[in-house]
């Protein structure tokens, strides 16, 4: 049951990210905007999968471990956002606004899936 739940969650996150990539490729954007959108989607998918796996691991541990993992996930997302903003600002092959907006909105969409697939506590 546990392996199936992890497999379904990761598969769904990858599938939704794949659909977002296909939509971005089908729409006629300039290369810089398209590259920015693709970068934002890929980074958010990697963040979401790593965050889900770490939260899933820590969910049945103590509350301290869970909240430390949860806080570290938030910090990691903020660091990825800051590093992406810094690197994209200096690189002309990515559009700054489309990269950051896609990264934020794709992360929000995938975060909803994270919490839906976490195990439910039985007390």
PDB file of N, CA and C in Angstrom:
ATOM      1  N   UNK A   1       0.834  -1.202   0.000  1.00  0.00           N
ATOM      2  CA  UNK A   1       0.000   0.000   0.000  1.00  0.00           C
ATOM      3  C   UNK A   1       0.877   1.264   0.000  1.00  0.00           C
ATOM      4  N   UNK A   2       1.918   1.251   0.838  1.00  0.00           N
ATOM      5  CA  UNK A   2       2.770   2.431   0.947  1.00  0.00           C
ATOM      6  C   UNK A   2       3.486   2.711  -0.371  1.00  0.00           C
ATOM      7  N   UNK A   3       4.042   1.675  -0.994  1.00  0.00           N
ATOM      8  CA  UNK A   3       4.762   1.858  -2.249  1.00  0.00           C
ATOM      9  C   UNK A   3       3.823   2.332  -3.348  1.00  0.00           C
ATOM     10  N   UNK A   4       2.596   1.796  -3.377  1.00  0.00           N
ATOM     11  CA  UNK A   4       1.621   2.229  -4.376  1.00  0.00           C
ATOM     12  C   UNK A   4       1.277   3.700  -4.212  1.00  0.00           C
ATOM     13  N   UNK A   5       1.092   4.137  -2.987  1.00  0.00           N
ATOM     14  CA  UNK A   5       0.740   5.538  -2.720  1.00  0.00           C
ATOM     15  C   UNK A   5       1.869   6.465  -3.177  1.00  0.00           C
ATOM     16  N   UNK A   6       3.106   6.094  -2.881  1.00  0.00           N
ATOM     17  CA  UNK A   6       4.254   6.897  -3.303  1.00  0.00           C
ATOM     18  C   UNK A   6       4.349   6.913  -4.829  1.00  0.00           C
ATOM     19  N   UNK A   7       4.187   5.738  -5.439  1.00  0.00           N
ATOM     20  CA  UNK A   7       4.252   5.637  -6.904  1.00  0.00           C
ATOM     21  C   UNK A   7       3.167   6.485  -7.562  1.00  0.00           C
ATOM     22  N   UNK A   8       1.930   6.415  -7.060  1.00  0.00           N
ATOM     23  CA  UNK A   8       0.840   7.196  -7.647  1.00  0.00           C
ATOM     24  C   UNK A   8       1.083   8.696  -7.495  1.00  0.00           C
ATOM     25  N   UNK A   9       1.568   9.097  -6.324  1.00  0.00           N
ATOM     26  CA  UNK A   9       1.802  10.525  -6.095  1.00  0.00           C
ATOM     27  C   UNK A   9       2.882  11.058  -7.020  1.00  0.00           C
ATOM     28  N   UNK A  10       3.997  10.350  -7.099  1.00  0.00           N
ATOM     29  CA  UNK A  10       5.098  10.804  -7.954  1.00  0.00           C
ATOM     30  C   UNK A  10       4.677  10.759  -9.422  1.00  0.00           C
ATOM     31  N   UNK A  11       3.949   9.719  -9.810  1.00  0.00           N
ATOM     32  CA  UNK A  11       3.475   9.617 -11.194  1.00  0.00           C
ATOM     33  C   UNK A  11       2.519  10.751 -11.542  1.00  0.00           C
ATOM     34  N   UNK A  12       1.628  11.086 -10.620  1.00  0.00           N
ATOM     35  CA  UNK A  12       0.682  12.169 -10.870  1.00  0.00           C
ATOM     36  C   UNK A  12       1.400  13.514 -10.972  1.00  0.00           C
ATOM     37  N   UNK A  13       2.382  13.734 -10.107  1.00  0.00           N
ATOM     38  CA  UNK A  13       3.147  14.989 -10.174  1.00  0.00           C
ATOM     39  C   UNK A  13       3.911  15.089 -11.489  1.00  0.00           C
ATOM     40  N   UNK A  14       4.529  13.985 -11.900  1.00  0.00           N
ATOM     41  CA  UNK A  14       5.239  13.989 -13.182  1.00  0.00           C
ATOM     42  C   UNK A  14       4.276  14.151 -14.352  1.00  0.00           C
ATOM     43  N   UNK A  15       3.104  13.524 -14.260  1.00  0.00           N
ATOM     44  CA  UNK A  15       2.118  13.640 -15.331  1.00  0.00           C
ATOM     45  C   UNK A  15       1.600  15.058 -15.481  1.00  0.00           C
ATOM     46  N   UNK A  16       1.269  15.687 -14.370  1.00  0.00           N
ATOM     47  CA  UNK A  16       0.787  17.068 -14.429  1.00  0.00           C
ATOM     48  C   UNK A  16       1.886  17.991 -14.938  1.00  0.00           C
ATOM     49  N   UNK A  17       3.114  17.759 -14.500  1.00  0.00           N
ATOM     50  CA  UNK A  17       4.230  18.557 -14.997  1.00  0.00           C
ATOM     51  C   UNK A  17       4.431  18.334 -16.490  1.00  0.00           C
ATOM     52  N   UNK A  18       4.272  17.095 -16.942  1.00  0.00           N
ATOM     53  CA  UNK A  18       4.391  16.788 -18.368  1.00  0.00           C
ATOM     54  C   UNK A  18       3.331  17.485 -19.196  1.00  0.00           C
ATOM     55  N   UNK A  19       2.107  17.534 -18.683  1.00  0.00           N
ATOM     56  CA  UNK A  19       1.034  18.239 -19.395  1.00  0.00           C
ATOM     57  C   UNK A  19       1.352  19.729 -19.470  1.00  0.00           C
ATOM     58  N   UNK A  20       1.861  20.289 -18.374  1.00  0.00           N
ATOM     59  CA  UNK A  20       2.229  21.710 -18.392  1.00  0.00           C
ATOM     60  C   UNK A  20       3.347  21.970 -19.404  1.00  0.00           C
ATOM     61  N   UNK A  21       4.301  21.056 -19.500  1.00  0.00           N
ATOM     62  CA  UNK A  21       5.383  21.193 -20.480  1.00  0.00           C
ATOM     63  C   UNK A  21       4.826  21.132 -21.895  1.00  0.00           C
ATOM     64  N   UNK A  22       3.919  20.184 -22.154  1.00  0.00           N
ATOM     65  CA  UNK A  22       3.324  20.073 -23.500  1.00  0.00           C
ATOM     66  C   UNK A  22       2.558  21.335 -23.875  1.00  0.00           C
ATOM     67  N   UNK A  23       1.800  21.869 -22.941  1.00  0.00           N
ATOM     68  CA  UNK A  23       1.057  23.109 -23.215  1.00  0.00           C
ATOM     69  C   UNK A  23       2.026  24.244 -23.527  1.00  0.00           C
ATOM     70  N   UNK A  24       3.103  24.332 -22.759  1.00  0.00           N
ATOM     71  CA  UNK A  24       4.089  25.392 -23.001  1.00  0.00           C
ATOM     72  C   UNK A  24       4.751  25.234 -24.363  1.00  0.00           C
ATOM     73  N   UNK A  25       4.984  23.992 -24.780  1.00  0.00           N
ATOM     74  CA  UNK A  25       5.621  23.768 -26.078  1.00  0.00           C
ATOM     75  C   UNK A  25       4.655  24.010 -27.240  1.00  0.00           C
ATOM     76  N   UNK A  26       3.372  23.744 -27.019  1.00  0.00           N
ATOM     77  CA  UNK A  26       2.387  23.939 -28.090  1.00  0.00           C
ATOM     78  C   UNK A  26       2.050  25.403 -28.325  1.00  0.00           C
ATOM     79  N   UNK A  27       2.100  26.198 -27.278  1.00  0.00           N
ATOM     80  CA  UNK A  27       1.807  27.628 -27.434  1.00  0.00           C
ATOM     81  C   UNK A  27       3.007  28.317 -28.071  1.00  0.00           C
ATOM     82  N   UNK A  28       2.731  29.305 -28.863  1.00  0.00           N
ATOM     83  CA  UNK A  28       3.783  29.993 -29.614  1.00  0.00           C
ATOM     84  C   UNK A  28       4.335  31.173 -28.813  1.00  0.00           C
ATOM     85  N   UNK A  29       5.306  30.879 -27.963  1.00  0.00           N
ATOM     86  CA  UNK A  29       5.983  31.917 -27.203  1.00  0.00           C
ATOM     87  C   UNK A  29       7.356  32.166 -27.813  1.00  0.00           C
ATOM     88  N   UNK A  30       7.936  33.290 -27.448  1.00  0.00           N
ATOM     89  CA  UNK A  30       9.324  33.546 -27.858  1.00  0.00           C
ATOM     90  C   UNK A  30      10.222  32.525 -27.149  1.00  0.00           C
ATOM     91  N   UNK A  31      11.400  32.260 -27.700  1.00  0.00           N
ATOM     92  CA  UNK A  31      12.286  31.263 -27.075  1.00  0.00           C
ATOM     93  C   UNK A  31      12.625  31.571 -25.614  1.00  0.00           C
ATOM     94  N   UNK A  32      12.822  32.833 -25.271  1.00  0.00           N
ATOM     95  CA  UNK A  32      13.167  33.181 -23.894  1.00  0.00           C
ATOM     96  C   UNK A  32      12.008  32.881 -22.943  1.00  0.00           C
ATOM     97  N   UNK A  33      10.795  33.208 -23.352  1.00  0.00           N
ATOM     98  CA  UNK A  33       9.621  32.932 -22.519  1.00  0.00           C
ATOM     99  C   UNK A  33       9.403  31.426 -22.404  1.00  0.00           C
ATOM    100  N   UNK A  34       9.505  30.714 -23.522  1.00  0.00           N
ATOM    101  CA  UNK A  34       9.334  29.254 -23.499  1.00  0.00           C
ATOM    102  C   UNK A  34      10.370  28.595 -22.591  1.00  0.00           C
ATOM    103  N   UNK A  35      11.627  29.024 -22.700  1.00  0.00           N
ATOM    104  CA  UNK A  35      12.676  28.471 -21.844  1.00  0.00           C
ATOM    105  C   UNK A  35      12.405  28.752 -20.369  1.00  0.00           C
ATOM    106  N   UNK A  36      11.925  29.955 -20.083  1.00  0.00           N
ATOM    107  CA  UNK A  36      11.604  30.308 -18.706  1.00  0.00           C
ATOM    108  C   UNK A  36      10.476  29.468 -18.143  1.00  0.00           C
ATOM    109  N   UNK A  37       9.442  29.257 -18.946  1.00  0.00           N
ATOM    110  CA  UNK A  37       8.318  28.432 -18.499  1.00  0.00           C
ATOM    111  C   UNK A  37       8.776  26.999 -18.253  1.00  0.00           C
ATOM    112  N   UNK A  38       9.557  26.466 -19.170  1.00  0.00           N
ATOM    113  CA  UNK A  38      10.036  25.090 -19.006  1.00  0.00           C
ATOM    114  C   UNK A  38      10.931  24.952 -17.782  1.00  0.00           C
ATOM    115  N   UNK A  39      11.801  25.922 -17.560  1.00  0.00           N
ATOM    116  CA  UNK A  39      12.668  25.878 -16.386  1.00  0.00           C
ATOM    117  C   UNK A  39      11.841  25.920 -15.098  1.00  0.00           C
ATOM    118  N   UNK A  40      10.844  26.787 -15.057  1.00  0.00           N
ATOM    119  CA  UNK A  40       9.982  26.879 -13.875  1.00  0.00           C
ATOM    120  C   UNK A  40       9.241  25.589 -13.593  1.00  0.00           C
ATOM    121  N   UNK A  41       8.743  24.936 -14.638  1.00  0.00           N
ATOM    122  CA  UNK A  41       8.018  23.679 -14.459  1.00  0.00           C
ATOM    123  C   UNK A  41       8.950  22.576 -13.967  1.00  0.00           C
ATOM    124  N   UNK A  42      10.114  22.474 -14.574  1.00  0.00           N
ATOM    125  CA  UNK A  42      11.058  21.417 -14.182  1.00  0.00           C
ATOM    126  C   UNK A  42      11.519  21.605 -12.732  1.00  0.00           C
ATOM    127  N   UNK A  43      11.862  22.827 -12.366  1.00  0.00           N
ATOM    128  CA  UNK A  43      12.299  23.079 -10.986  1.00  0.00           C
ATOM    129  C   UNK A  43      11.188  22.813  -9.981  1.00  0.00           C
ATOM    130  N   UNK A  44       9.959  23.195 -10.309  1.00  0.00           N
ATOM    131  CA  UNK A  44       8.863  22.951  -9.375  1.00  0.00           C
ATOM    132  C   UNK A  44       8.559  21.456  -9.251  1.00  0.00           C
ATOM    133  N   UNK A  45       8.694  20.705 -10.334  1.00  0.00           N
ATOM    134  CA  UNK A  45       8.466  19.257 -10.264  1.00  0.00           C
ATOM    135  C   UNK A  45       9.530  18.589  -9.387  1.00  0.00           C
ATOM    136  N   UNK A  46      10.772  18.992  -9.558  1.00  0.00           N
ATOM    137  CA  UNK A  46      11.841  18.425  -8.721  1.00  0.00           C
ATOM    138  C   UNK A  46      11.610  18.775  -7.256  1.00  0.00           C
ATOM    139  N   UNK A  47      11.272  20.036  -6.988  1.00  0.00           N
ATOM    140  CA  UNK A  47      10.967  20.452  -5.611  1.00  0.00           C
ATOM    141  C   UNK A  47       9.822  19.647  -5.022  1.00  0.00           C
ATOM    142  N   UNK A  48       8.757  19.491  -5.780  1.00  0.00           N
ATOM    143  CA  UNK A  48       7.568  18.807  -5.273  1.00  0.00           C
ATOM    144  C   UNK A  48       7.854  17.342  -4.965  1.00  0.00           C
ATOM    145  N   UNK A  49       8.570  16.672  -5.847  1.00  0.00           N
ATOM    146  CA  UNK A  49       8.841  15.249  -5.622  1.00  0.00           C
ATOM    147  C   UNK A  49       9.761  15.063  -4.423  1.00  0.00           C
ATOM    148  N   UNK A  50      10.821  15.851  -4.325  1.00  0.00           N
ATOM    149  CA  UNK A  50      11.719  15.735  -3.173  1.00  0.00           C
ATOM    150  C   UNK A  50      11.003  16.093  -1.867  1.00  0.00           C
ATOM    151  N   UNK A  51      10.170  17.100  -1.911  1.00  0.00           N
ATOM    152  CA  UNK A  51       9.431  17.499  -0.724  1.00  0.00           C
ATOM    153  C   UNK A  51       8.435  16.416  -0.309  1.00  0.00           C
ATOM    154  N   UNK A  52       7.717  15.862  -1.281  1.00  0.00           N
ATOM    155  CA  UNK A  52       6.753  14.811  -0.961  1.00  0.00           C
ATOM    156  C   UNK A  52       7.444  13.599  -0.348  1.00  0.00           C
ATOM    157  N   UNK A  53       8.544  13.173  -0.943  1.00  0.00           N
ATOM    158  CA  UNK A  53       9.244  11.992  -0.425  1.00  0.00           C
ATOM    159  C   UNK A  53       9.776  12.228   0.987  1.00  0.00           C
ATOM    160  N   UNK A  54      10.307  13.406   1.242  1.00  0.00           N
ATOM    161  CA  UNK A  54      10.812  13.683   2.589  1.00  0.00           C
ATOM    162  C   UNK A  54       9.675  13.811   3.603  1.00  0.00           C
ATOM    163  N   UNK A  55       8.565  14.445   3.209  1.00  0.00           N
ATOM    164  CA  UNK A  55       7.421  14.533   4.122  1.00  0.00           C
ATOM    165  C   UNK A  55       6.807  13.162   4.373  1.00  0.00           C
ATOM    166  N   UNK A  56       6.726  12.356   3.336  1.00  0.00           N
ATOM    167  CA  UNK A  56       6.168  11.014   3.504  1.00  0.00           C
ATOM    168  C   UNK A  56       7.030  10.204   4.478  1.00  0.00           C
ATOM    169  N   UNK A  57       8.342  10.331   4.350  1.00  0.00           N
ATOM    170  CA  UNK A  57       9.246   9.624   5.244  1.00  0.00           C
ATOM    171  C   UNK A  57       9.055  10.094   6.689  1.00  0.00           C
ATOM    172  N   UNK A  58       8.927  11.403   6.884  1.00  0.00           N
ATOM    173  CA  UNK A  58       8.886  11.957   8.232  1.00  0.00           C
ATOM    174  C   UNK A  58       7.500  11.921   8.869  1.00  0.00           C
ATOM    175  N   UNK A  59       6.476  11.573   8.095  1.00  0.00           N
ATOM    176  CA  UNK A  59       5.106  11.676   8.605  1.00  0.00           C
ATOM    177  C   UNK A  59       4.854  10.745   9.782  1.00  0.00           C
ATOM    178  N   UNK A  60       5.398   9.555   9.760  1.00  0.00           N
ATOM    179  CA  UNK A  60       5.172   8.614  10.853  1.00  0.00           C
ATOM    180  C   UNK A  60       6.221   8.727  11.956  1.00  0.00           C
ATOM    181  N   UNK A  61       7.118   9.685  11.842  1.00  0.00           N
ATOM    182  CA  UNK A  61       8.126   9.933  12.876  1.00  0.00           C
ATOM    183  C   UNK A  61       7.522  10.875  13.916  1.00  0.00           C
ATOM    184  N   UNK A  62       8.344  11.352  14.808  1.00  0.00           N
ATOM    185  CA  UNK A  62       7.854  12.275  15.831  1.00  0.00           C
ATOM    186  C   UNK A  62       7.454  13.608  15.199  1.00  0.00           C
ATOM    187  N   UNK A  63       6.685  14.363  15.947  1.00  0.00           N
ATOM    188  CA  UNK A  63       6.235  15.672  15.451  1.00  0.00           C
ATOM    189  C   UNK A  63       7.415  16.607  15.198  1.00  0.00           C
ATOM    190  N   UNK A  64       8.430  16.516  16.035  1.00  0.00           N
ATOM    191  CA  UNK A  64       9.610  17.358  15.845  1.00  0.00           C
ATOM    192  C   UNK A  64      10.307  17.091  14.524  1.00  0.00           C
ATOM    193  N   UNK A  65      10.452  15.814  14.184  1.00  0.00           N
ATOM    194  CA  UNK A  65      11.085  15.460  12.916  1.00  0.00           C
ATOM    195  C   UNK A  65      10.210  15.906  11.743  1.00  0.00           C
ATOM    196  N   UNK A  66       8.906  15.715  11.864  1.00  0.00           N
ATOM    197  CA  UNK A  66       8.011  16.113  10.778  1.00  0.00           C
ATOM    198  C   UNK A  66       8.078  17.616  10.534  1.00  0.00           C
ATOM    199  N   UNK A  67       7.973  18.408  11.602  1.00  0.00           N
ATOM    200  CA  UNK A  67       7.964  19.859  11.418  1.00  0.00           C
ATOM    201  C   UNK A  67       9.329  20.403  11.008  1.00  0.00           C
ATOM    202  N   UNK A  68      10.405  19.725  11.415  1.00  0.00           N
ATOM    203  CA  UNK A  68      11.731  20.105  10.934  1.00  0.00           C
ATOM    204  C   UNK A  68      11.835  19.846   9.437  1.00  0.00           C
ATOM    205  N   UNK A  69      11.326  18.706   8.997  1.00  0.00           N
ATOM    206  CA  UNK A  69      11.341  18.377   7.574  1.00  0.00           C
ATOM    207  C   UNK A  69      10.472  19.343   6.787  1.00  0.00           C
ATOM    208  N   UNK A  70       9.308  19.656   7.316  1.00  0.00           N
ATOM    209  CA  UNK A  70       8.391  20.591   6.664  1.00  0.00           C
ATOM    210  C   UNK A  70       9.029  21.979   6.539  1.00  0.00           C
ATOM    211  N   UNK A  71       9.669  22.444   7.617  1.00  0.00           N
ATOM    212  CA  UNK A  71      10.332  23.750   7.596  1.00  0.00           C
ATOM    213  C   UNK A  71      11.508  23.757   6.629  1.00  0.00           C
ATOM    214  N   UNK A  72      12.258  22.662   6.600  1.00  0.00           N
ATOM    215  CA  UNK A  72      13.382  22.568   5.666  1.00  0.00           C
ATOM    216  C   UNK A  72      12.884  22.590   4.222  1.00  0.00           C
ATOM    217  N   UNK A  73      11.726  22.003   3.959  1.00  0.00           N
ATOM    218  CA  UNK A  73      11.151  22.035   2.616  1.00  0.00           C
ATOM    219  C   UNK A  73      10.776  23.446   2.194  1.00  0.00           C
ATOM    220  N   UNK A  74      10.208  24.199   3.119  1.00  0.00           N
ATOM    221  CA  UNK A  74       9.870  25.596   2.818  1.00  0.00           C
ATOM    222  C   UNK A  74      11.139  26.397   2.538  1.00  0.00           C
ATOM    223  N   UNK A  75      12.143  26.204   3.376  1.00  0.00           N
ATOM    224  CA  UNK A  75      13.412  26.904   3.184  1.00  0.00           C
ATOM    225  C   UNK A  75      14.052  26.519   1.851  1.00  0.00           C
ATOM    226  N   UNK A  76      13.999  25.242   1.506  1.00  0.00           N
ATOM    227  CA  UNK A  76      14.572  24.791   0.230  1.00  0.00           C
ATOM    228  C   UNK A  76      13.847  25.436  -0.952  1.00  0.00           C
ATOM    229  N   UNK A  77      12.526  25.534  -0.872  1.00  0.00           N
ATOM    230  CA  UNK A  77      11.770  26.176  -1.950  1.00  0.00           C
ATOM    231  C   UNK A  77      12.138  27.643  -2.089  1.00  0.00           C
ATOM    232  N   UNK A  78      12.287  28.319  -0.964  1.00  0.00           N
ATOM    233  CA  UNK A  78      12.670  29.729  -1.014  1.00  0.00           C
ATOM    234  C   UNK A  78      14.080  29.907  -1.574  1.00  0.00           C
ATOM    235  N   UNK A  79      14.986  29.004  -1.212  1.00  0.00           N
ATOM    236  CA  UNK A  79      16.340  29.081  -1.745  1.00  0.00           C
ATOM    237  C   UNK A  79      16.374  28.805  -3.244  1.00  0.00           C
ATOM    238  N   UNK A  80      15.569  27.855  -3.691  1.00  0.00           N
ATOM    239  CA  UNK A  80      15.489  27.578  -5.132  1.00  0.00           C
ATOM    240  C   UNK A  80      14.922  28.795  -5.863  1.00  0.00           C
ATOM    241  N   UNK A  81      13.904  29.418  -5.289  1.00  0.00           N
ATOM    242  CA  UNK A  81      13.330  30.622  -5.892  1.00  0.00           C
ATOM    243  C   UNK A  81      14.363  31.738  -5.977  1.00  0.00           C
ATOM    244  N   UNK A  82      15.092  31.966  -4.891  1.00  0.00           N
ATOM    245  CA  UNK A  82      16.101  33.033  -4.878  1.00  0.00           C
ATOM    246  C   UNK A  82      17.242  32.734  -5.850  1.00  0.00           C
ATOM    247  N   UNK A  83      17.723  31.502  -5.849  1.00  0.00           N
ATOM    248  CA  UNK A  83      18.821  31.142  -6.757  1.00  0.00           C
ATOM    249  C   UNK A  83      18.371  31.230  -8.210  1.00  0.00           C
ATOM    250  N   UNK A  84      17.151  30.797  -8.476  1.00  0.00           N
ATOM    251  CA  UNK A  84      16.623  30.886  -9.842  1.00  0.00           C
ATOM    252  C   UNK A  84      16.502  32.341 -10.271  1.00  0.00           C
ATOM    253  N   UNK A  85      15.977  33.179  -9.395  1.00  0.00           N
ATOM    254  CA  UNK A  85      15.839  34.603  -9.728  1.00  0.00           C
ATOM    255  C   UNK A  85      17.206  35.217 -10.016  1.00  0.00           C
ATOM    256  N   UNK A  86      18.186  34.894  -9.208  1.00  0.00           N
ATOM    257  CA  UNK A  86      19.527  35.450  -9.399  1.00  0.00           C
ATOM    258  C   UNK A  86      20.133  34.985 -10.723  1.00  0.00           C
ATOM    259  N   UNK A  87      20.058  33.679 -10.994  1.00  0.00           N
ATOM    260  CA  UNK A  87      20.680  33.138 -12.204  1.00  0.00           C
ATOM    261  C   UNK A  87      19.944  33.553 -13.477  1.00  0.00           C
ATOM    262  N   UNK A  88      18.623  33.597 -13.421  1.00  0.00           N
ATOM    263  CA  UNK A  88      17.842  33.968 -14.609  1.00  0.00           C
ATOM    264  C   UNK A  88      18.007  35.455 -14.909  1.00  0.00           C
ATOM    265  N   UNK A  89      18.137  36.268 -13.864  1.00  0.00           N
ATOM    266  CA  UNK A  89      18.327  37.701 -14.069  1.00  0.00           C
ATOM    267  C   UNK A  89      19.607  37.981 -14.846  1.00  0.00           C
ATOM    268  N   UNK A  90      20.614  37.139 -14.660  1.00  0.00           N
ATOM    269  CA  UNK A  90      21.901  37.317 -15.326  1.00  0.00           C
ATOM    270  C   UNK A  90      21.992  36.596 -16.674  1.00  0.00           C
ATOM    271  N   UNK A  91      20.991  35.816 -17.030  1.00  0.00           N
ATOM    272  CA  UNK A  91      21.034  35.021 -18.260  1.00  0.00           C
ATOM    273  C   UNK A  91      19.928  35.496 -19.204  1.00  0.00           C
ATOM    274  N   UNK A  92      20.291  35.887 -20.399  1.00  0.00           N
ATOM    275  CA  UNK A  92      19.302  36.442 -21.331  1.00  0.00           C
ATOM    276  C   UNK A  92      18.513  35.377 -22.091  1.00  0.00           C
ATOM    277  N   UNK A  93      18.866  34.108 -21.944  1.00  0.00           N
ATOM    278  CA  UNK A  93      18.117  33.073 -22.679  1.00  0.00           C
ATOM    279  C   UNK A  93      16.852  32.649 -21.937  1.00  0.00           C
ATOM    280  N   UNK A  94      16.610  33.221 -20.741  1.00  0.00           N
ATOM    281  CA  UNK A  94      15.393  32.956 -19.982  1.00  0.00           C
ATOM    282  C   UNK A  94      14.700  34.274 -19.669  1.00  0.00           C
ATOM    283  N   UNK A  95      13.385  34.287 -19.808  1.00  0.00           N
ATOM    284  CA  UNK A  95      12.618  35.463 -19.427  1.00  0.00           C
ATOM    285  C   UNK A  95      12.410  35.431 -17.914  1.00  0.00           C
ATOM    286  N   UNK A  96      12.751  36.511 -17.253  1.00  0.00           N
ATOM    287  CA  UNK A  96      12.718  36.576 -15.794  1.00  0.00           C
ATOM    288  C   UNK A  96      11.310  36.364 -15.249  1.00  0.00           C
ATOM    289  N   UNK A  97      10.355  37.126 -15.756  1.00  0.00           N
ATOM    290  CA  UNK A  97       8.999  37.079 -15.224  1.00  0.00           C
ATOM    291  C   UNK A  97       8.324  35.737 -15.473  1.00  0.00           C
ATOM    292  N   UNK A  98       8.440  35.208 -16.680  1.00  0.00           N
ATOM    293  CA  UNK A  98       7.779  33.930 -16.970  1.00  0.00           C
ATOM    294  C   UNK A  98       8.399  32.786 -16.166  1.00  0.00           C
ATOM    295  N   UNK A  99       9.690  32.849 -15.923  1.00  0.00           N
ATOM    296  CA  UNK A  99      10.337  31.803 -15.131  1.00  0.00           C
ATOM    297  C   UNK A  99       9.825  31.806 -13.696  1.00  0.00           C
ATOM    298  N   UNK A 100       9.837  32.979 -13.078  1.00  0.00           N
ATOM    299  CA  UNK A 100       9.444  33.045 -11.670  1.00  0.00           C
ATOM    300  C   UNK A 100       7.952  32.814 -11.472  1.00  0.00           C
ATOM    301  N   UNK A 101       7.127  33.358 -12.350  1.00  0.00           N
ATOM    302  CA  UNK A 101       5.686  33.109 -12.218  1.00  0.00           C
ATOM    303  C   UNK A 101       5.348  31.634 -12.407  1.00  0.00           C
ATOM    304  N   UNK A 102       5.971  31.008 -13.380  1.00  0.00           N
ATOM    305  CA  UNK A 102       5.720  29.583 -13.595  1.00  0.00           C
ATOM    306  C   UNK A 102       6.212  28.765 -12.424  1.00  0.00           C
ATOM    307  N   UNK A 103       7.377  29.099 -11.896  1.00  0.00           N
ATOM    308  CA  UNK A 103       7.918  28.374 -10.749  1.00  0.00           C
ATOM    309  C   UNK A 103       6.972  28.481  -9.552  1.00  0.00           C
ATOM    310  N   UNK A 104       6.464  29.659  -9.275  1.00  0.00           N
ATOM    311  CA  UNK A 104       5.572  29.858  -8.124  1.00  0.00           C
ATOM    312  C   UNK A 104       4.245  29.140  -8.334  1.00  0.00           C
ATOM    313  N   UNK A 105       3.607  29.317  -9.485  1.00  0.00           N
ATOM    314  CA  UNK A 105       2.282  28.727  -9.690  1.00  0.00           C
ATOM    315  C   UNK A 105       2.336  27.211  -9.855  1.00  0.00           C
ATOM    316  N   UNK A 106       3.341  26.699 -10.529  1.00  0.00           N
ATOM    317  CA  UNK A 106       3.469  25.249 -10.653  1.00  0.00           C
ATOM    318  C   UNK A 106       3.768  24.622  -9.293  1.00  0.00           C
ATOM    319  N   UNK A 107       4.555  25.298  -8.474  1.00  0.00           N
ATOM    320  CA  UNK A 107       4.824  24.801  -7.126  1.00  0.00           C
ATOM    321  C   UNK A 107       3.539  24.759  -6.308  1.00  0.00           C
ATOM    322  N   UNK A 108       2.719  25.790  -6.422  1.00  0.00           N
ATOM    323  CA  UNK A 108       1.448  25.804  -5.682  1.00  0.00           C
ATOM    324  C   UNK A 108       0.544  24.660  -6.120  1.00  0.00           C
ATOM    325  N   UNK A 109       0.445  24.428  -7.412  1.00  0.00           N
ATOM    326  CA  UNK A 109      -0.403  23.348  -7.921  1.00  0.00           C
ATOM    327  C   UNK A 109       0.086  21.998  -7.400  1.00  0.00           C
ATOM    328  N   UNK A 110       1.383  21.774  -7.468  1.00  0.00           N
ATOM    329  CA  UNK A 110       1.924  20.487  -7.045  1.00  0.00           C
ATOM    330  C   UNK A 110       1.905  20.313  -5.524  1.00  0.00           C
ATOM    331  N   UNK A 111       1.906  21.406  -4.772  1.00  0.00           N
ATOM    332  CA  UNK A 111       1.817  21.304  -3.315  1.00  0.00           C
ATOM    333  C   UNK A 111       0.470  20.750  -2.868  1.00  0.00           C
ATOM    334  N   UNK A 112      -0.587  21.067  -3.599  1.00  0.00           N
ATOM    335  CA  UNK A 112      -1.895  20.516  -3.247  1.00  0.00           C
ATOM    336  C   UNK A 112      -1.884  18.993  -3.348  1.00  0.00           C
ATOM    337  N   UNK A 113      -1.172  18.469  -4.337  1.00  0.00           N
ATOM    338  CA  UNK A 113      -1.079  17.021  -4.488  1.00  0.00           C
ATOM    339  C   UNK A 113      -0.266  16.389  -3.366  1.00  0.00           C
ATOM    340  N   UNK A 114       0.778  17.081  -2.928  1.00  0.00           N
ATOM    341  CA  UNK A 114       1.610  16.561  -1.847  1.00  0.00           C
ATOM    342  C   UNK A 114       0.770  16.205  -0.637  1.00  0.00           C
ATOM    343  N   UNK A 115      -0.025  17.141  -0.176  1.00  0.00           N
ATOM    344  CA  UNK A 115      -0.781  16.925   1.045  1.00  0.00           C
ATOM    345  C   UNK A 115      -1.915  15.932   0.864  1.00  0.00           C
ATOM    346  N   UNK A 116      -2.417  15.806  -0.331  1.00  0.00           N
ATOM    347  CA  UNK A 116      -3.476  14.838  -0.579  1.00  0.00           C
ATOM    348  C   UNK A 116      -2.977  13.407  -0.477  1.00  0.00           C
ATOM    349  N   UNK A 117      -1.713  13.178  -0.825  1.00  0.00           N
ATOM    350  CA  UNK A 117      -1.170  11.819  -0.832  1.00  0.00           C
ATOM    351  C   UNK A 117      -0.417  11.445   0.435  1.00  0.00           C
ATOM    352  N   UNK A 118      -0.302  12.361   1.388  1.00  0.00           N
ATOM    353  CA  UNK A 118       0.332  11.988   2.646  1.00  0.00           C
ATOM    354  C   UNK A 118      -0.577  11.032   3.408  1.00  0.00           C
ATOM    355  N   UNK A 119      -0.014  10.107   4.172  1.00  0.00           N
ATOM    356  CA  UNK A 119      -0.863   9.172   4.923  1.00  0.00           C
ATOM    357  C   UNK A 119      -1.676   9.911   5.971  1.00  0.00           C
ATOM    358  N   UNK A 120      -2.805   9.350   6.285  1.00  0.00           N
ATOM    359  CA  UNK A 120      -3.676   9.933   7.319  1.00  0.00           C
ATOM    360  C   UNK A 120      -3.304   9.318   8.660  1.00  0.00           C
ATOM    361  N   UNK A 121      -3.161  10.166   9.673  1.00  0.00           N
ATOM    362  CA  UNK A 121      -2.832   9.661  11.008  1.00  0.00           C
ATOM    363  C   UNK A 121      -4.054   9.007  11.635  1.00  0.00           C
ATOM    364  N   UNK A 122      -3.824   7.869  12.241  1.00  0.00           N
ATOM    365  CA  UNK A 122      -4.888   7.171  12.964  1.00  0.00           C
ATOM    366  C   UNK A 122      -4.501   7.191  14.444  1.00  0.00           C
ATOM    367  N   UNK A 123      -5.324   7.843  15.256  1.00  0.00           N
ATOM    368  CA  UNK A 123      -4.989   7.917  16.677  1.00  0.00           C
ATOM    369  C   UNK A 123      -5.885   7.019  17.488  1.00  0.00           C
TER     370      UNK A 123
END
